């Protein structure tokens, strides 16, 4: 679709229709990723009384060669949903953990 969009004449009706199709495709992918993160975070919180996740510097990782992997994994979205999912007062607890604060023998 992107290639088809790039070949259309600027400000034409066909370009506008193709642009809407590309936008729909992007929206479907974004919705699928968001739904997966939401379902996974909910499942993890329900199955485990305490969840500890390492606080990663996602913005720092995004500037390295791991950028596509970090963004594809949706780590920031997942940790945000994990925090919001663990809020109900049912005894569940979710926290972040800084790896540099712990020494390994």
N, C-alpha and C. Protein backbone atom coordinates (compact mmCIF):
# COMPACT_ATOMS: atom_id res chain seq x y z
N UNK A 1 0.81 -1.20 0.00
CA UNK A 1 0.00 0.00 0.00
C UNK A 1 0.86 1.27 0.00
N UNK A 2 1.97 1.24 0.73
CA UNK A 2 2.82 2.42 0.77
C UNK A 2 3.37 2.73 -0.62
N UNK A 3 3.74 1.71 -1.34
CA UNK A 3 4.27 1.92 -2.68
C UNK A 3 3.18 2.50 -3.58
N UNK A 4 1.98 1.97 -3.46
CA UNK A 4 0.87 2.50 -4.25
C UNK A 4 0.60 3.96 -3.91
N UNK A 5 0.70 4.29 -2.63
CA UNK A 5 0.48 5.66 -2.19
C UNK A 5 1.55 6.59 -2.77
N UNK A 6 2.79 6.13 -2.78
CA UNK A 6 3.86 6.99 -3.26
C UNK A 6 3.76 7.25 -4.76
N UNK A 7 3.08 6.38 -5.49
CA UNK A 7 2.96 6.54 -6.94
C UNK A 7 1.76 7.38 -7.36
N UNK A 8 0.89 7.71 -6.43
CA UNK A 8 -0.29 8.51 -6.77
C UNK A 8 0.10 9.98 -6.88
N UNK A 9 -0.64 10.69 -7.74
CA UNK A 9 -0.41 12.11 -7.90
C UNK A 9 -0.85 12.85 -6.64
N UNK A 10 -0.06 13.84 -6.25
CA UNK A 10 -0.38 14.61 -5.04
C UNK A 10 -1.72 15.32 -5.21
N UNK A 11 -2.47 15.37 -4.13
CA UNK A 11 -3.77 16.03 -4.05
C UNK A 11 -4.81 15.44 -4.99
N UNK A 12 -4.68 14.16 -5.33
CA UNK A 12 -5.70 13.51 -6.16
C UNK A 12 -6.64 12.71 -5.26
N UNK A 13 -7.80 12.41 -5.78
CA UNK A 13 -8.77 11.62 -5.01
C UNK A 13 -8.25 10.20 -4.77
N UNK A 14 -7.57 9.63 -5.77
CA UNK A 14 -7.03 8.29 -5.60
C UNK A 14 -5.97 8.24 -4.51
N UNK A 15 -5.16 9.30 -4.42
CA UNK A 15 -4.15 9.35 -3.36
C UNK A 15 -4.83 9.44 -2.00
N UNK A 16 -5.88 10.22 -1.91
CA UNK A 16 -6.60 10.36 -0.64
C UNK A 16 -7.20 9.02 -0.21
N UNK A 17 -7.78 8.28 -1.18
CA UNK A 17 -8.35 6.97 -0.85
C UNK A 17 -7.27 5.99 -0.40
N UNK A 18 -6.15 6.00 -1.10
CA UNK A 18 -5.04 5.10 -0.73
C UNK A 18 -4.46 5.49 0.63
N UNK A 19 -4.39 6.79 0.90
CA UNK A 19 -3.88 7.24 2.19
C UNK A 19 -4.78 6.77 3.33
N UNK A 20 -6.09 6.78 3.10
CA UNK A 20 -7.03 6.27 4.12
C UNK A 20 -6.86 4.77 4.32
N UNK A 21 -6.60 4.03 3.23
CA UNK A 21 -6.37 2.59 3.36
C UNK A 21 -5.12 2.30 4.18
N UNK A 22 -4.05 3.06 3.93
CA UNK A 22 -2.81 2.88 4.69
C UNK A 22 -3.04 3.22 6.15
N UNK A 23 -3.78 4.28 6.40
CA UNK A 23 -4.08 4.67 7.79
C UNK A 23 -4.89 3.59 8.50
N UNK A 24 -5.83 2.95 7.78
CA UNK A 24 -6.61 1.86 8.37
C UNK A 24 -5.72 0.68 8.72
N UNK A 25 -4.78 0.36 7.84
CA UNK A 25 -3.85 -0.74 8.12
C UNK A 25 -3.01 -0.45 9.36
N UNK A 26 -2.51 0.77 9.46
CA UNK A 26 -1.72 1.14 10.64
C UNK A 26 -2.56 1.08 11.91
N UNK A 27 -3.81 1.51 11.81
CA UNK A 27 -4.69 1.48 12.98
C UNK A 27 -4.97 0.04 13.42
N UNK A 28 -5.15 -0.87 12.46
CA UNK A 28 -5.39 -2.28 12.80
C UNK A 28 -4.20 -2.88 13.52
N UNK A 29 -3.00 -2.58 13.03
CA UNK A 29 -1.79 -3.11 13.67
C UNK A 29 -1.64 -2.54 15.08
N UNK A 30 -1.86 -1.24 15.22
CA UNK A 30 -1.76 -0.61 16.54
C UNK A 30 -2.78 -1.18 17.51
N UNK A 31 -4.01 -1.39 17.04
CA UNK A 31 -5.06 -1.96 17.90
C UNK A 31 -4.71 -3.38 18.32
N UNK A 32 -4.18 -4.18 17.38
CA UNK A 32 -3.81 -5.56 17.70
C UNK A 32 -2.69 -5.60 18.74
N UNK A 33 -1.69 -4.73 18.60
CA UNK A 33 -0.60 -4.69 19.57
C UNK A 33 -1.09 -4.24 20.94
N UNK A 34 -1.94 -3.23 20.96
CA UNK A 34 -2.47 -2.72 22.23
C UNK A 34 -3.31 -3.79 22.91
N UNK A 35 -4.14 -4.49 22.15
CA UNK A 35 -5.00 -5.53 22.72
C UNK A 35 -4.16 -6.67 23.28
N UNK A 36 -3.10 -7.06 22.57
CA UNK A 36 -2.24 -8.13 23.05
C UNK A 36 -1.56 -7.74 24.36
N UNK A 37 -1.02 -6.52 24.42
CA UNK A 37 -0.38 -6.06 25.66
C UNK A 37 -1.38 -6.03 26.81
N UNK A 38 -2.59 -5.59 26.53
CA UNK A 38 -3.60 -5.51 27.58
C UNK A 38 -3.97 -6.90 28.09
N UNK A 39 -4.19 -7.85 27.18
CA UNK A 39 -4.56 -9.20 27.60
C UNK A 39 -3.42 -9.87 28.36
N UNK A 40 -2.18 -9.69 27.89
CA UNK A 40 -1.04 -10.31 28.55
C UNK A 40 -0.82 -9.72 29.94
N UNK A 41 -0.89 -8.40 30.07
CA UNK A 41 -0.68 -7.80 31.39
C UNK A 41 -1.79 -8.22 32.36
N UNK A 42 -3.02 -8.31 31.88
CA UNK A 42 -4.12 -8.75 32.74
C UNK A 42 -3.92 -10.19 33.19
N UNK A 43 -3.51 -11.06 32.27
CA UNK A 43 -3.28 -12.46 32.62
C UNK A 43 -2.15 -12.60 33.63
N UNK A 44 -1.07 -11.87 33.45
CA UNK A 44 0.07 -11.97 34.37
C UNK A 44 -0.32 -11.47 35.76
N UNK A 45 -1.06 -10.37 35.83
CA UNK A 45 -1.47 -9.83 37.12
C UNK A 45 -2.44 -10.78 37.82
N UNK A 46 -3.36 -11.41 37.08
CA UNK A 46 -4.32 -12.32 37.70
C UNK A 46 -3.67 -13.60 38.22
N UNK A 47 -2.65 -14.09 37.50
CA UNK A 47 -2.05 -15.37 37.87
C UNK A 47 -0.99 -15.25 38.96
N UNK A 48 -0.45 -14.07 39.19
CA UNK A 48 0.65 -13.91 40.14
C UNK A 48 0.31 -12.86 41.18
N UNK A 49 0.53 -13.16 42.45
CA UNK A 49 0.21 -12.18 43.50
C UNK A 49 1.16 -10.98 43.49
N UNK A 50 2.42 -11.18 43.11
CA UNK A 50 3.39 -10.09 43.04
C UNK A 50 4.12 -10.17 41.71
N UNK A 51 4.21 -9.05 41.04
CA UNK A 51 4.89 -8.99 39.75
C UNK A 51 6.00 -7.95 39.85
N UNK A 52 7.21 -8.35 39.53
CA UNK A 52 8.34 -7.43 39.53
C UNK A 52 8.92 -7.40 38.12
N UNK A 53 9.04 -6.21 37.57
CA UNK A 53 9.52 -6.04 36.21
C UNK A 53 10.70 -5.07 36.26
N UNK A 54 11.74 -5.39 35.52
CA UNK A 54 12.91 -4.51 35.48
C UNK A 54 12.55 -3.21 34.76
N UNK A 55 12.89 -2.08 35.37
CA UNK A 55 12.67 -0.78 34.75
C UNK A 55 13.76 -0.56 33.71
N UNK A 56 13.40 -0.65 32.46
CA UNK A 56 14.36 -0.45 31.39
C UNK A 56 14.29 1.00 30.91
N UNK A 57 15.43 1.52 30.52
CA UNK A 57 15.47 2.85 29.91
C UNK A 57 15.14 2.69 28.44
N UNK A 58 13.85 2.65 28.14
CA UNK A 58 13.41 2.37 26.78
C UNK A 58 13.88 3.44 25.82
N UNK A 59 13.86 4.69 26.26
CA UNK A 59 14.31 5.76 25.37
C UNK A 59 15.79 5.60 25.04
N UNK A 60 16.57 5.10 26.00
CA UNK A 60 17.99 4.86 25.74
C UNK A 60 18.20 3.67 24.82
N UNK A 61 17.43 2.61 25.03
CA UNK A 61 17.54 1.43 24.17
C UNK A 61 17.07 1.74 22.75
N UNK A 62 16.16 2.68 22.62
CA UNK A 62 15.64 3.01 21.30
C UNK A 62 16.68 3.70 20.43
N UNK A 63 17.76 4.20 21.04
CA UNK A 63 18.81 4.86 20.27
C UNK A 63 19.93 3.91 19.89
N UNK A 64 19.79 2.64 20.23
CA UNK A 64 20.84 1.67 19.92
C UNK A 64 20.38 0.79 18.76
N UNK A 65 21.17 -0.24 18.49
CA UNK A 65 20.79 -1.14 17.40
C UNK A 65 19.62 -2.04 17.78
N UNK A 66 19.19 -1.97 19.04
CA UNK A 66 18.02 -2.74 19.50
C UNK A 66 16.71 -1.98 19.29
N UNK A 67 16.77 -0.85 18.61
CA UNK A 67 15.61 0.03 18.51
C UNK A 67 14.37 -0.68 17.96
N UNK A 68 14.52 -1.40 16.86
CA UNK A 68 13.34 -2.04 16.28
C UNK A 68 12.80 -3.12 17.19
N UNK A 69 13.66 -3.85 17.86
CA UNK A 69 13.20 -4.90 18.77
C UNK A 69 12.45 -4.30 19.96
N UNK A 70 12.97 -3.21 20.49
CA UNK A 70 12.34 -2.58 21.66
C UNK A 70 10.98 -2.01 21.27
N UNK A 71 10.92 -1.34 20.13
CA UNK A 71 9.65 -0.75 19.72
C UNK A 71 8.63 -1.81 19.31
N UNK A 72 9.09 -2.87 18.65
CA UNK A 72 8.17 -3.93 18.26
C UNK A 72 7.60 -4.64 19.48
N UNK A 73 8.40 -4.77 20.52
CA UNK A 73 7.93 -5.46 21.72
C UNK A 73 6.91 -4.61 22.48
N UNK A 74 6.92 -3.30 22.28
CA UNK A 74 5.96 -2.44 22.97
C UNK A 74 6.17 -2.44 24.47
N UNK A 75 7.44 -2.39 24.91
CA UNK A 75 7.76 -2.53 26.32
C UNK A 75 7.14 -1.41 27.16
N UNK A 76 7.20 -0.19 26.68
CA UNK A 76 6.63 0.93 27.45
C UNK A 76 5.12 0.78 27.60
N UNK A 77 4.46 0.40 26.53
CA UNK A 77 3.00 0.20 26.59
C UNK A 77 2.66 -0.93 27.55
N UNK A 78 3.44 -1.99 27.51
CA UNK A 78 3.19 -3.14 28.38
C UNK A 78 3.36 -2.76 29.85
N UNK A 79 4.43 -2.06 30.19
CA UNK A 79 4.64 -1.70 31.59
C UNK A 79 3.59 -0.70 32.06
N UNK A 80 3.14 0.18 31.19
CA UNK A 80 2.07 1.11 31.55
C UNK A 80 0.77 0.38 31.83
N UNK A 81 0.45 -0.60 31.01
CA UNK A 81 -0.76 -1.38 31.22
C UNK A 81 -0.63 -2.26 32.46
N UNK A 82 0.57 -2.74 32.73
CA UNK A 82 0.80 -3.55 33.92
C UNK A 82 0.51 -2.71 35.16
N UNK A 83 0.97 -1.46 35.17
CA UNK A 83 0.73 -0.59 36.31
C UNK A 83 -0.76 -0.30 36.49
N UNK A 84 -1.45 -0.02 35.39
CA UNK A 84 -2.87 0.32 35.51
C UNK A 84 -3.71 -0.92 35.83
N UNK A 85 -3.30 -2.09 35.36
CA UNK A 85 -4.05 -3.31 35.62
C UNK A 85 -3.93 -3.73 37.08
N UNK A 86 -2.79 -3.45 37.71
CA UNK A 86 -2.57 -3.91 39.08
C UNK A 86 -3.17 -2.96 40.11
N UNK A 87 -3.89 -1.94 39.67
CA UNK A 87 -4.43 -0.96 40.61
C UNK A 87 -5.58 -1.48 41.46
N UNK A 88 -6.51 -2.30 40.98
CA UNK A 88 -7.67 -2.66 41.82
C UNK A 88 -7.23 -3.25 43.16
N UNK A 89 -7.91 -2.91 44.23
CA UNK A 89 -7.49 -3.34 45.56
C UNK A 89 -7.84 -4.80 45.85
N UNK A 90 -7.29 -5.72 45.08
CA UNK A 90 -7.56 -7.13 45.31
C UNK A 90 -6.33 -7.83 45.88
N UNK A 91 -5.40 -7.05 46.44
CA UNK A 91 -4.21 -7.65 47.04
C UNK A 91 -3.08 -7.86 46.05
N UNK A 92 -3.26 -7.50 44.79
CA UNK A 92 -2.21 -7.68 43.79
C UNK A 92 -1.23 -6.53 43.90
N UNK A 93 0.02 -6.81 43.63
CA UNK A 93 1.04 -5.78 43.72
C UNK A 93 1.96 -5.88 42.52
N UNK A 94 2.28 -4.75 41.94
CA UNK A 94 3.16 -4.71 40.78
C UNK A 94 4.16 -3.60 40.99
N UNK A 95 5.42 -3.89 40.76
CA UNK A 95 6.44 -2.89 41.00
C UNK A 95 7.54 -2.98 39.96
N UNK A 96 8.31 -1.91 39.86
CA UNK A 96 9.46 -1.89 38.96
C UNK A 96 10.73 -2.18 39.75
N UNK A 97 11.78 -2.56 39.07
CA UNK A 97 13.03 -2.93 39.72
C UNK A 97 14.18 -2.41 38.89
N UNK A 98 15.12 -1.72 39.54
CA UNK A 98 16.29 -1.20 38.85
C UNK A 98 17.42 -2.20 38.97
N UNK A 99 17.93 -2.67 37.85
CA UNK A 99 18.95 -3.71 37.84
C UNK A 99 20.26 -3.21 38.42
N UNK A 100 20.62 -1.95 38.23
CA UNK A 100 21.90 -1.45 38.71
C UNK A 100 21.95 -1.30 40.23
N UNK A 101 20.80 -1.37 40.90
CA UNK A 101 20.76 -1.21 42.34
C UNK A 101 21.04 -2.51 43.09
N UNK A 102 21.16 -3.61 42.36
CA UNK A 102 21.34 -4.92 42.99
C UNK A 102 22.71 -5.45 42.59
N UNK A 103 23.44 -5.92 43.57
CA UNK A 103 24.74 -6.54 43.26
C UNK A 103 24.58 -8.05 43.24
N UNK A 104 25.15 -8.66 42.26
CA UNK A 104 25.08 -10.11 42.13
C UNK A 104 26.40 -10.70 42.58
N UNK A 105 26.40 -11.67 43.52
CA UNK A 105 27.66 -12.22 44.02
C UNK A 105 28.39 -13.03 42.98
